[in-house]
Amino acid sequence: MTMKSRKSITADDVITVNGRYLYIGTSNNNSSSNSSNTSINPERFFLKGIAFPTPPPNQRAANRKKKNIRNSNVATATAGDDVLDLSGWNAVLEQLAYETDINTIRVYEMDCRYDYSKFLERAAELGIYVIVPLTSRIDGGVLRRDAAYPLCFPRRLRRYGISCLERYWDHPNVLAGMVGNEVMNDLGAWGSAPCVKAYLNYLAARGRKLGERSESSTQTARRTVLPLMYATQHDSPVAEFHPDEAVKLTLDYLTCNDDGVKDDGMLDNTFIFGINIESWCSSLQSFEYEEGGTEESTYHSLWRTMAGGNKTKTIMDAVTGETTTVQVRSVTPLPVSIPVVFSEMGCSKKSFNRDNDAQPKRVRDWKQMSLVQEHGPMSDIFSGFVAYGYDGGGNGNFRMMGGRDDPPWDGRHPLPPSPDYDNFRAELSKNEEERRDSVLRIAAATTAPSNGGRREGDRIITAPSCHRTVATLHKAWGVDLQSISAVTSYTSLSQLQMNTFQHGVKVLSWSYGWMMLGVPAGALVVLLLL
């Protein structure tokens, strides 16, 4: 088997954010007297990814679980303590590098107390970027969706996040850190939304400090930012609200700020928004229409919504039965101003070609991948995809590798290919050939649209208004978010409050912030240290 032609990822190939696009390659600050933090000859970057299988066996974690030991001190584990069997992950990496043109993997479970350097370095050698999680299922890395702010934003979560940033910072192929996946997955979970926003802002602020340290280093071409990412489901918590607008409203909330108030994280180009989508369930559909040829496709509708366009509504005449399609103004009319990707993409195999006569059944064709690549019709808004998934997260309906009756991945040996996987890599190869024929390079400076959605080259972004966004949330879903200006960050506590910390009590004070508890602005909430 001949390995695909690949270039190793070095410190010169860090992925950065400018406006709503991703770029590969940063400037060498020592290369000329005129150089700065802007990119030199930036090449726009599109994710061509796959969801990676579950973690390799971790004997140390297994022993700890047996002993029922809860250790929230994320700083104690060292490389010498780690007992990670990374050979299985590396074997899957090599399989994908040999057989496909992927450039990204998304990993769902990693514990920042352990050293994954050998895995990340091997991925870099193979030219593969990695999206890493900045939360965990247990201990200090849990971001609770069943608690409201500030209970879901404890000190141990912040401490865990810092350890993750420091762990991954010097790996140039770490594309982004995922702060949450479908956290606000129903109306009840929206109480935790301010914690997601606070965690984003907190890690962005800490990342800037790490970036300043990198800039002052004598080494050249070091990372100055590690983008953060959140992934939402393509769904709506209420039947009366379209999934596209629910997705856009989630994005608006996480990126919003009010006029005159600087958002510590979102305006500094560190955020990527991910959408988990299960559409494209027919080989007869196109970008514009579903398989019947009359109904607007999910992808086209979502693209219009993200671009700030109107939504379509079909009205039926009660007498004649005739239908008319009209344009209706979106409740989220601003175009996106940050990068958007499909963080999970792929229909359930049991639904593919289920309702038509097309063959084969249960074998996805992956034709939608080209829509969000360099020359695709959605590429003005979207920057790629992560296909779901290598082993489907243990769900056979989303499993790309092996047959229906094959056992789950054993953590060691790569799974055999399948017709679904063959279609996936064939579409990847087709897209790669098109890219090589005409390499897309986009200048970092672009012209702002007339509706004021973004301005990219000078790193200034117009974010949605928090007051308007929270009012829309309340009107659409009945979510009660008080419109105060920004979630109080751990780093913004006054010296008096920090003194209180030292005595074992945490006092959170806000004159503005997003509160889910109905407490008036300026109130003090006293909580025991978490």
Protein backbone atom coordinates (compact mmCIF):
# COMPACT_ATOMS: atom_id res chain seq x y z
CA MET A 1 0.00 0.00 0.00
CA THR A 2 1.43 3.36 -1.04
CA MET A 3 1.00 6.21 1.38
CA LYS A 4 -0.79 9.33 0.18
CA SER A 5 1.50 12.25 -0.52
CA ARG A 6 1.64 14.25 2.69
CA LYS A 7 3.51 17.14 4.22
CA SER A 8 4.35 17.06 7.90
CA ILE A 9 2.88 19.82 10.05
CA THR A 10 5.44 22.15 11.59
CA ALA A 11 5.32 25.31 13.69
CA ASP A 12 4.82 27.28 10.46
CA ASP A 13 1.51 25.48 9.80
CA VAL A 14 -0.56 26.48 12.83
CA ILE A 15 -4.21 27.09 11.94
CA THR A 16 -5.40 30.62 12.70
CA VAL A 17 -8.71 32.45 12.49
CA ASN A 18 -9.29 35.67 10.58
CA GLY A 19 -12.89 36.82 10.34
CA ARG A 20 -15.04 33.87 9.34
CA TYR A 21 -12.26 31.90 7.68
CA LEU A 22 -9.47 29.56 8.78
CA TYR A 23 -5.95 29.99 7.46
CA ILE A 24 -2.86 27.84 7.47
CA GLY A 25 0.55 29.39 8.03
CA THR A 26 1.52 32.32 10.24
CA SER A 27 4.17 34.96 9.89
CA ASN A 28 7.65 34.64 11.22
CA ASN A 29 7.88 37.70 13.39
CA ASN A 30 11.63 37.88 12.90
CA SER A 31 11.56 37.52 9.14
CA SER A 32 11.38 41.23 8.39
CA SER A 33 11.09 44.55 10.12
CA ASN A 34 7.59 44.98 8.73
CA SER A 35 6.21 41.64 9.84
CA SER A 36 3.54 41.40 12.53
CA ASN A 37 0.99 38.86 13.71
CA THR A 38 -0.73 38.78 10.34
CA SER A 39 -0.32 35.88 7.96
CA ILE A 40 2.14 35.95 5.10
CA ASN A 41 0.65 34.51 1.91
CA PRO A 42 -2.14 32.86 3.89
CA GLU A 43 -3.81 29.83 2.42
CA ARG A 44 -7.39 29.26 3.40
CA PHE A 45 -7.86 26.01 5.29
CA PHE A 46 -10.79 23.61 4.95
CA LEU A 47 -11.31 20.70 7.32
CA LYS A 48 -11.48 17.28 5.67
CA GLY A 49 -11.96 15.23 8.76
CA ILE A 50 -13.30 12.13 10.38
CA ALA A 51 -14.55 11.47 13.92
CA PHE A 52 -11.89 9.35 15.62
CA PRO A 53 -12.70 6.21 17.65
CA THR A 54 -12.88 6.00 21.43
CA PRO A 55 -9.67 6.32 23.47
CA PRO A 56 -7.02 3.64 23.76
CA PRO A 57 -6.94 1.59 26.98
CA ASN A 58 -5.73 3.53 29.99
CA GLN A 59 -4.66 1.13 32.71
CA ARG A 60 -3.94 3.88 35.20
CA ALA A 61 -7.45 5.30 34.85
CA ALA A 62 -8.93 1.80 35.12
CA ASN A 63 -7.05 1.14 38.35
CA ARG A 64 -8.11 4.49 39.74
CA LYS A 65 -11.75 3.71 38.94
CA LYS A 66 -11.53 0.37 40.70
CA LYS A 67 -10.21 2.06 43.81
CA ASN A 68 -12.96 4.69 43.55
CA ILE A 69 -10.41 7.46 43.90
CA ARG A 70 -11.53 10.89 42.81
CA ASN A 71 -8.57 13.13 42.11
CA SER A 72 -9.50 16.61 40.90
CA ASN A 73 -5.92 17.91 41.06
CA VAL A 74 -5.15 17.93 37.36
CA ALA A 75 -1.59 19.15 37.89
CA THR A 76 -0.28 16.02 39.64
CA ALA A 77 -0.10 13.63 36.70
CA THR A 78 3.21 13.70 34.85
CA ALA A 79 4.50 12.01 31.75
CA GLY A 80 6.13 9.38 33.93
CA ASP A 81 2.78 8.54 35.51
CA ASP A 82 1.02 8.01 32.23
CA VAL A 83 0.28 4.47 31.15
CA LEU A 84 -1.41 5.10 27.82
CA ASP A 85 -1.47 2.51 25.07
CA LEU A 86 -1.34 4.84 22.06
CA SER A 87 -0.42 2.14 19.55
CA GLY A 88 -4.04 1.55 18.56
CA TRP A 89 -4.69 5.21 17.84
CA ASN A 90 -1.45 5.49 15.91
CA ALA A 91 -2.38 2.42 13.85
CA VAL A 92 -5.70 4.03 12.89
CA LEU A 93 -3.89 7.28 12.07
CA GLU A 94 -1.58 5.43 9.72
CA GLN A 95 -4.47 3.58 8.10
CA LEU A 96 -6.26 6.83 7.33
CA ALA A 97 -3.05 8.53 6.17
CA TYR A 98 -2.25 5.68 3.79
CA GLU A 99 -5.75 5.34 2.37
CA THR A 100 -7.43 8.75 2.42
CA ASP A 101 -6.87 12.48 1.92
CA ILE A 102 -8.13 13.56 5.33
CA ASN A 103 -6.34 16.43 7.03
CA THR A 104 -8.19 16.47 10.38
CA ILE A 105 -9.49 14.14 13.07
CA ARG A 106 -11.83 14.99 15.92
CA VAL A 107 -11.10 13.21 19.19
CA TYR A 108 -13.89 13.04 21.76
CA GLU A 109 -12.15 11.79 24.89
CA MET A 110 -8.72 12.78 26.13
CA ASP A 111 -7.65 13.36 29.73
CA CYS A 112 -5.40 16.39 30.10
CA ARG A 113 -3.65 14.77 33.05
CA TYR A 114 -1.93 12.40 30.63
CA ASP A 115 0.68 12.93 27.98
CA TYR A 116 -0.49 12.32 24.41
CA SER A 117 2.67 13.69 22.80
CA LYS A 118 3.54 10.53 20.90
CA PHE A 119 0.08 10.42 19.35
CA LEU A 120 0.01 14.13 18.48
CA GLU A 121 3.54 14.03 17.10
CA ARG A 122 2.71 11.04 14.92
CA ALA A 123 -0.36 12.85 13.61
CA ALA A 124 1.81 15.87 12.79
CA GLU A 125 4.27 13.66 10.90
CA LEU A 126 1.35 12.33 8.86
CA GLY A 127 0.02 15.83 8.13
CA ILE A 128 -3.11 15.45 10.26
CA TYR A 129 -4.58 18.17 12.49
CA VAL A 130 -6.39 17.21 15.70
CA ILE A 131 -9.43 18.74 17.42
CA VAL A 132 -9.00 17.97 21.12
CA PRO A 133 -11.60 18.09 23.94
CA LEU A 134 -11.15 20.61 26.75
CA THR A 135 -13.68 18.89 29.02
CA SER A 136 -13.98 15.36 30.38
CA ARG A 137 -16.65 12.94 31.51
CA ILE A 138 -15.36 12.70 35.08
CA ASP A 139 -13.61 14.71 37.74
CA GLY A 140 -12.51 18.29 37.21
CA GLY A 141 -13.20 18.53 33.49
CA VAL A 142 -16.99 18.16 33.70
CA LEU A 143 -19.10 21.03 32.33
CA ARG A 144 -22.51 20.20 33.77
CA ARG A 145 -25.55 20.69 31.56
CA ASP A 146 -27.91 20.05 34.47
CA ALA A 147 -26.84 23.10 36.49
CA ALA A 148 -27.20 26.83 35.98
CA TYR A 149 -24.56 29.55 36.13
CA PRO A 150 -22.41 29.84 38.21
CA LEU A 151 -22.74 26.29 39.57
CA CYS A 152 -21.74 24.80 36.22
CA PHE A 153 -18.58 26.94 36.07
CA PRO A 154 -16.58 25.75 39.11
CA ARG A 155 -12.96 26.50 39.85
CA ARG A 156 -11.88 22.93 39.10
CA LEU A 157 -13.23 23.23 35.54
CA ARG A 158 -11.21 26.38 34.95
CA ARG A 159 -8.14 24.69 36.39
CA TYR A 160 -8.68 21.68 34.14
CA GLY A 161 -9.03 23.93 31.09
CA ILE A 162 -5.75 25.69 31.85
CA SER A 163 -3.97 22.35 32.12
CA CYS A 164 -5.37 21.37 28.70
CA LEU A 165 -4.20 24.58 27.04
CA GLU A 166 -0.72 24.14 28.47
CA ARG A 167 -0.66 20.47 27.51
CA TYR A 168 -1.55 21.05 23.85
CA TRP A 169 -0.18 24.55 23.20
CA ASP A 170 3.15 23.56 21.69
CA HIS A 171 1.71 20.97 19.32
CA PRO A 172 1.25 22.89 16.04
CA ASN A 173 -1.23 20.35 14.66
CA VAL A 174 -3.75 20.87 17.47
CA LEU A 175 -6.31 22.71 15.37
CA ALA A 176 -8.77 23.67 18.12
CA GLY A 177 -9.95 22.84 21.61
CA MET A 178 -13.58 21.74 21.99
CA VAL A 179 -15.23 23.37 25.03
CA GLY A 180 -18.54 21.56 24.67
CA ASN A 181 -20.55 19.21 22.49
CA GLU A 182 -24.34 19.63 22.39
CA VAL A 183 -24.38 20.94 25.95
CA MET A 184 -27.60 22.94 25.41
CA ASN A 185 -29.40 19.99 23.87
CA ASP A 186 -32.86 20.81 25.25
CA LEU A 187 -34.66 23.68 26.95
CA GLY A 188 -33.75 22.46 30.43
CA ALA A 189 -30.04 22.42 29.58
CA TRP A 190 -30.06 26.07 28.48
CA GLY A 191 -29.47 26.97 32.13
CA SER A 192 -25.85 25.96 31.54
CA ALA A 193 -25.42 28.18 28.47
CA PRO A 194 -23.80 31.03 30.44
CA CYS A 195 -21.19 28.55 31.68
CA VAL A 196 -20.28 27.57 28.14
CA LYS A 197 -19.90 31.25 27.28
CA ALA A 198 -17.92 31.93 30.45
CA TYR A 199 -15.63 28.96 29.80
CA LEU A 200 -15.00 30.16 26.24
CA ASN A 201 -14.15 33.64 27.47
CA TYR A 202 -11.98 32.37 30.30
CA LEU A 203 -9.92 30.05 28.10
CA ALA A 204 -9.61 32.75 25.42
CA ALA A 205 -8.17 35.12 28.02
CA ARG A 206 -5.76 32.47 29.29
CA GLY A 207 -4.82 31.62 25.74
CA ARG A 208 -3.89 35.23 25.05
CA LYS A 209 -1.50 35.13 27.99
CA LEU A 210 0.10 31.97 26.60
CA GLY A 211 0.26 33.69 23.21
CA GLU A 212 2.07 36.66 24.71
CA ARG A 213 4.55 34.25 26.23
CA SER A 214 5.06 32.66 22.82
CA GLU A 215 5.56 36.03 21.14
CA SER A 216 8.25 36.98 23.63
CA SER A 217 10.08 33.70 23.05
CA THR A 218 13.32 33.74 21.10
CA GLN A 219 12.01 30.85 19.02
CA THR A 220 10.31 31.77 15.76
CA ALA A 221 6.91 30.85 14.33
CA ARG A 222 5.47 29.73 17.66
CA ARG A 223 1.72 29.46 18.27
CA THR A 224 0.13 32.70 19.45
CA VAL A 225 -3.46 31.44 19.66
CA LEU A 226 -5.28 28.13 20.03
CA PRO A 227 -8.80 28.44 18.57
CA LEU A 228 -11.70 27.31 20.72
CA MET A 229 -14.71 25.45 19.43
CA TYR A 230 -18.28 24.57 20.39
CA ALA A 231 -20.46 22.00 18.60
CA THR A 232 -24.25 22.23 18.55
CA GLN A 233 -26.88 19.83 17.27
CA HIS A 234 -28.85 20.72 14.12
CA ASP A 235 -32.13 20.66 15.97
CA SER A 236 -34.57 22.96 17.72
CA PRO A 237 -35.75 22.67 21.33
CA VAL A 238 -39.29 23.62 20.26
CA ALA A 239 -41.28 22.40 17.27
CA GLU A 240 -42.35 25.91 16.27
CA PHE A 241 -38.76 27.07 15.72
CA HIS A 242 -36.77 25.97 12.66
CA PRO A 243 -33.56 24.01 13.43
CA ASP A 244 -31.49 26.39 11.26
CA GLU A 245 -32.56 29.37 13.33
CA ALA A 246 -32.01 27.45 16.57
CA VAL A 247 -28.45 26.79 15.46
CA LYS A 248 -27.91 30.42 14.47
CA LEU A 249 -29.41 31.68 17.73
CA THR A 250 -27.00 29.45 19.68
CA LEU A 251 -24.10 30.88 17.70
CA ASP A 252 -25.36 34.44 18.25
CA TYR A 253 -25.57 33.86 22.01
CA LEU A 254 -22.05 32.48 22.30
CA THR A 255 -20.56 35.33 20.24
CA CYS A 256 -22.74 38.24 21.34
CA ASN A 257 -21.71 41.38 23.16
CA ASP A 258 -23.30 44.76 23.71
CA ASP A 259 -22.19 48.01 22.11
CA GLY A 260 -19.24 49.51 23.91
CA VAL A 261 -18.50 46.33 25.86
CA LYS A 262 -15.53 44.25 24.73
CA ASP A 263 -16.05 40.54 24.91
CA ASP A 264 -12.80 39.10 26.23
CA GLY A 265 -12.80 36.10 23.94
CA MET A 266 -15.11 36.19 21.00
CA LEU A 267 -13.87 39.42 19.43
CA ASP A 268 -10.30 38.22 19.42
CA ASN A 269 -10.73 35.65 16.65
CA THR A 270 -10.36 32.51 18.73
CA PHE A 271 -13.72 30.81 18.16
CA ILE A 272 -14.93 28.22 15.65
CA PHE A 273 -18.59 27.16 15.61
CA GLY A 274 -19.43 23.54 14.84
CA ILE A 275 -22.72 22.05 13.68
CA ASN A 276 -23.52 18.34 14.09
CA ILE A 277 -25.76 17.45 11.16
CA GLU A 278 -27.33 14.13 10.15
CA SER A 279 -28.89 15.21 6.85
CA TRP A 280 -28.14 14.12 3.25
CA CYS A 281 -30.02 10.85 3.45
CA SER A 282 -30.58 10.26 -0.26
CA SER A 283 -28.38 9.84 -3.31
CA LEU A 284 -31.10 11.63 -5.31
CA GLN A 285 -30.86 14.98 -3.53
CA SER A 286 -28.84 18.03 -4.52
CA PHE A 287 -27.55 21.13 -2.80
CA GLU A 288 -30.70 23.03 -3.71
CA TYR A 289 -33.40 20.37 -3.27
CA GLU A 290 -34.27 17.24 -1.35
CA GLU A 291 -34.81 14.05 -3.34
CA GLY A 292 -38.29 15.02 -4.53
CA GLY A 293 -36.90 18.01 -6.40
CA THR A 294 -39.29 20.59 -4.89
CA GLU A 295 -38.48 20.97 -1.19
CA GLU A 296 -35.45 23.10 -0.33
CA SER A 297 -32.59 20.97 0.92
CA THR A 298 -31.41 21.12 4.52
CA TYR A 299 -27.95 22.21 3.41
CA HIS A 300 -29.22 25.05 1.22
CA SER A 301 -31.56 26.28 3.95
CA LEU A 302 -28.82 26.20 6.58
CA TRP A 303 -26.40 28.00 4.28
CA ARG A 304 -28.91 30.80 3.68
CA THR A 305 -29.57 31.15 7.41
CA MET A 306 -25.88 31.35 8.28
CA ALA A 307 -25.46 33.99 5.57
CA GLY A 308 -28.20 36.11 7.17
CA GLY A 309 -30.71 35.46 4.40
CA ASN A 310 -34.46 35.21 4.68
CA LYS A 311 -36.13 31.88 5.33
CA THR A 312 -38.76 30.41 3.03
CA LYS A 313 -42.27 29.58 4.16
CA THR A 314 -44.86 27.58 2.25
CA ILE A 315 -48.44 28.85 2.51
CA MET A 316 -51.37 26.71 1.39
CA ASP A 317 -54.62 28.26 0.16
CA ALA A 318 -57.41 26.83 2.29
CA VAL A 319 -59.85 26.83 -0.65
CA THR A 320 -57.82 25.80 -3.68
CA GLY A 321 -55.10 23.83 -1.92
CA GLU A 322 -52.47 25.63 -3.97
CA THR A 323 -49.19 26.41 -2.26
CA THR A 324 -47.10 29.57 -2.47
CA THR A 325 -43.53 30.00 -1.23
CA VAL A 326 -42.78 33.35 0.38
CA GLN A 327 -39.67 34.92 1.89
CA VAL A 328 -39.80 35.63 5.64
CA ARG A 329 -37.19 37.68 7.51
CA SER A 330 -35.04 35.54 9.79
CA VAL A 331 -35.10 36.16 13.53
CA THR A 332 -31.28 36.03 13.36
CA PRO A 333 -30.58 38.29 10.35
CA LEU A 334 -26.85 38.97 10.77
CA PRO A 335 -24.47 36.78 8.73
CA VAL A 336 -21.98 34.73 10.71
CA SER A 337 -18.73 36.48 11.53
CA ILE A 338 -16.67 33.49 12.70
CA PRO A 339 -15.66 30.20 11.03
CA VAL A 340 -18.40 27.57 10.80
CA VAL A 341 -17.77 23.88 10.13
CA PHE A 342 -19.74 20.66 10.22
CA SER A 343 -18.29 19.17 13.40
CA GLU A 344 -20.19 15.94 12.75
CA MET A 345 -21.61 15.14 9.34
CA GLY A 346 -23.40 12.04 8.11
CA CYS A 347 -26.87 10.55 7.86
CA SER A 348 -27.76 7.43 9.77
CA LYS A 349 -27.07 4.50 7.43
CA LYS A 350 -30.45 2.96 8.16
CA SER A 351 -32.08 6.12 6.73
CA PHE A 352 -29.95 6.42 3.60
CA ASN A 353 -32.04 5.76 0.45
CA ARG A 354 -34.72 4.29 2.71
CA ASP A 355 -37.63 6.16 1.12
CA ASN A 356 -36.75 5.80 -2.56
CA ASP A 357 -35.91 3.19 -5.16
CA ALA A 358 -32.24 4.15 -5.40
CA GLN A 359 -29.54 1.62 -4.65
CA PRO A 360 -27.60 0.72 -2.65
CA LYS A 361 -29.35 1.03 0.68
CA ARG A 362 -27.51 1.81 3.91
CA VAL A 363 -24.38 2.94 2.04
CA ARG A 364 -23.81 6.69 2.25
CA ASP A 365 -22.44 8.37 -0.88
CA TRP A 366 -20.77 11.36 0.89
CA LYS A 367 -21.53 13.67 -2.04
CA GLN A 368 -22.26 16.51 0.39
CA MET A 369 -18.56 16.83 1.29
CA SER A 370 -17.86 18.87 -1.82
CA LEU A 371 -20.41 21.51 -0.79
CA VAL A 372 -18.17 22.84 1.99
CA GLN A 373 -14.81 22.47 0.28
CA GLU A 374 -12.72 24.99 -1.66
CA HIS A 375 -14.95 25.33 -4.71
CA GLY A 376 -18.22 24.32 -3.09
CA PRO A 377 -21.33 26.53 -3.08
CA MET A 378 -21.25 26.79 0.72
CA SER A 379 -17.56 27.70 1.00
CA ASP A 380 -18.24 31.41 1.45
CA ILE A 381 -19.66 30.53 4.89
CA PHE A 382 -18.43 27.03 5.78
CA SER A 383 -14.86 25.81 6.21
CA GLY A 384 -15.11 22.05 5.99
CA PHE A 385 -16.43 19.01 7.81
CA VAL A 386 -15.77 16.10 10.14
CA ALA A 387 -17.43 12.93 8.84
CA TYR A 388 -19.11 10.75 11.45
CA GLY A 389 -17.45 8.47 12.08
CA TYR A 390 -14.69 5.87 12.01
CA ASP A 391 -16.49 3.50 14.38
CA GLY A 392 -19.65 5.59 14.74
CA GLY A 393 -19.04 6.14 18.41
CA GLY A 394 -20.13 2.55 18.93
CA ASN A 395 -23.35 3.09 16.94
CA GLY A 396 -23.48 0.83 13.90
CA ASN A 397 -25.82 3.20 12.06
CA PHE A 398 -23.05 5.79 11.84
CA ARG A 399 -20.10 3.43 11.59
CA MET A 400 -17.99 3.96 8.49
CA MET A 401 -15.62 0.99 8.93
CA GLY A 402 -16.36 -2.72 8.84
CA GLY A 403 -19.63 -4.55 8.40
CA ARG A 404 -22.85 -4.40 10.42
CA ASP A 405 -22.01 -7.57 12.33
CA ASP A 406 -18.34 -6.86 12.96
CA PRO A 407 -17.35 -6.36 16.61
CA PRO A 408 -16.62 -2.86 17.94
CA TRP A 409 -13.14 -1.43 17.65
CA ASP A 410 -10.85 -3.26 20.06
CA GLY A 411 -8.57 -0.30 20.69
CA ARG A 412 -5.66 -1.93 18.88
CA HIS A 413 -6.28 -3.07 15.32
CA PRO A 414 -7.65 -0.85 12.53
CA LEU A 415 -11.10 -1.83 11.33
CA PRO A 416 -11.54 -3.21 7.80
CA PRO A 417 -12.91 -0.96 5.02
CA SER A 418 -16.51 -0.98 3.87
CA PRO A 419 -18.46 0.35 0.84
CA ASP A 420 -19.36 3.39 2.97
CA TYR A 421 -15.66 4.05 3.61
CA ASP A 422 -14.80 3.46 -0.05
CA ASN A 423 -17.29 6.17 -1.08
CA PHE A 424 -15.86 8.50 1.56
CA ARG A 425 -12.27 8.22 0.37
CA ALA A 426 -13.30 8.39 -3.30
CA GLU A 427 -15.05 11.72 -2.69
CA LEU A 428 -12.04 12.96 -0.73
CA SER A 429 -9.71 12.08 -3.61
CA LYS A 430 -11.97 13.85 -6.09
CA ASN A 431 -11.97 17.01 -3.98
CA GLU A 432 -8.20 16.85 -3.51
CA GLU A 433 -7.63 16.62 -7.24
CA GLU A 434 -9.76 19.73 -7.77
CA ARG A 435 -7.82 21.54 -5.07
CA ARG A 436 -4.48 20.71 -6.63
CA ASP A 437 -5.67 21.94 -10.01
CA SER A 438 -6.46 25.34 -8.57
CA VAL A 439 -5.07 26.09 -5.10
CA LEU A 440 -7.33 28.60 -3.41
CA ARG A 441 -5.52 31.50 -1.76
CA ILE A 442 -7.55 34.27 -0.19
CA ALA A 443 -6.03 37.50 1.10
CA ALA A 444 -6.59 38.10 4.80
CA ALA A 445 -8.11 41.53 4.17
CA THR A 446 -11.61 41.45 2.68
CA THR A 447 -14.34 43.98 2.10
CA ALA A 448 -17.08 44.19 4.68
CA PRO A 449 -20.58 43.33 3.44
CA SER A 450 -23.08 46.15 3.24
CA ASN A 451 -25.07 44.81 6.19
CA GLY A 452 -22.08 45.14 8.54
CA GLY A 453 -21.67 41.44 9.24
CA ARG A 454 -17.86 41.39 9.49
CA ARG A 455 -14.58 43.06 8.68
CA GLU A 456 -11.74 40.59 8.57
CA GLY A 457 -8.32 41.94 7.71
CA ASP A 458 -7.90 44.15 10.78
CA ARG A 459 -9.32 41.54 13.17
CA ILE A 460 -12.42 43.58 14.00
CA ILE A 461 -15.73 41.75 14.08
CA THR A 462 -19.23 43.06 14.60
CA ALA A 463 -20.89 40.64 17.00
CA PRO A 464 -24.63 40.21 17.55
CA SER A 465 -26.15 42.31 20.32
CA CYS A 466 -26.60 40.40 23.56
CA HIS A 467 -29.69 42.39 24.48
CA ARG A 468 -31.40 41.50 21.20
CA THR A 469 -30.19 37.89 21.29
CA VAL A 470 -31.42 37.24 24.82
CA ALA A 471 -34.75 38.88 24.03
CA THR A 472 -35.11 36.60 21.01
CA LEU A 473 -34.28 33.56 23.14
CA HIS A 474 -36.96 34.52 25.64
CA LYS A 475 -39.57 35.18 22.97
CA ALA A 476 -38.82 32.05 20.94
CA TRP A 477 -38.22 29.48 23.68
CA GLY A 478 -39.25 31.10 26.95
CA VAL A 479 -35.64 30.90 28.16
CA ASP A 480 -35.22 33.47 30.93
CA LEU A 481 -31.82 35.08 30.45
CA GLN A 482 -31.48 38.48 32.04
CA SER A 483 -29.88 40.92 29.62
CA ILE A 484 -26.78 41.98 31.43
CA SER A 485 -23.60 42.54 29.48
CA ALA A 486 -21.15 39.68 30.03
CA VAL A 487 -20.53 36.66 32.20
CA THR A 488 -18.15 37.53 35.02
CA SER A 489 -14.86 35.82 34.46
CA TYR A 490 -12.78 34.21 37.18
CA THR A 491 -9.94 36.52 36.21
CA SER A 492 -12.01 39.68 36.67
CA LEU A 493 -12.78 39.22 40.36
CA SER A 494 -11.79 42.15 42.53
CA GLN A 495 -8.95 41.95 45.02
CA LEU A 496 -11.50 41.89 47.84
CA GLN A 497 -13.16 38.88 46.30
CA MET A 498 -9.80 37.19 45.76
CA ASN A 499 -9.04 37.69 49.46
CA THR A 500 -12.32 35.96 50.21
CA PHE A 501 -11.16 33.07 48.03
CA GLN A 502 -8.20 32.58 50.31
CA HIS A 503 -10.55 32.06 53.26
CA GLY A 504 -12.38 29.23 51.53
CA VAL A 505 -15.41 31.10 50.24
CA LYS A 506 -16.03 32.19 46.69
CA VAL A 507 -17.95 35.39 46.17
CA LEU A 508 -19.20 36.15 42.69
CA SER A 509 -20.17 39.75 42.02
CA TRP A 510 -21.51 41.17 38.82
CA SER A 511 -22.76 44.52 37.64
CA TYR A 512 -23.29 42.82 34.34
CA GLY A 513 -23.27 39.21 33.32
CA TRP A 514 -25.58 36.55 32.00
CA MET A 515 -27.58 35.13 34.88
CA MET A 516 -29.96 32.21 34.77
CA LEU A 517 -30.94 32.45 38.44
CA GLY A 518 -33.11 35.57 38.34
CA VAL A 519 -30.80 37.48 40.71
CA PRO A 520 -30.76 41.26 40.11
CA ALA A 521 -27.64 42.94 38.74
CA GLY A 522 -25.19 43.99 41.43
CA ALA A 523 -26.22 41.19 43.77
CA LEU A 524 -23.69 39.00 45.53
CA VAL A 525 -23.92 35.25 45.52
CA VAL A 526 -21.87 33.46 48.14
CA LEU A 527 -21.00 29.87 47.46
CA LEU A 528 -18.71 27.38 49.10
CA LEU A 529 -15.62 26.73 47.02
CA LEU A 530 -16.29 23.99 44.51
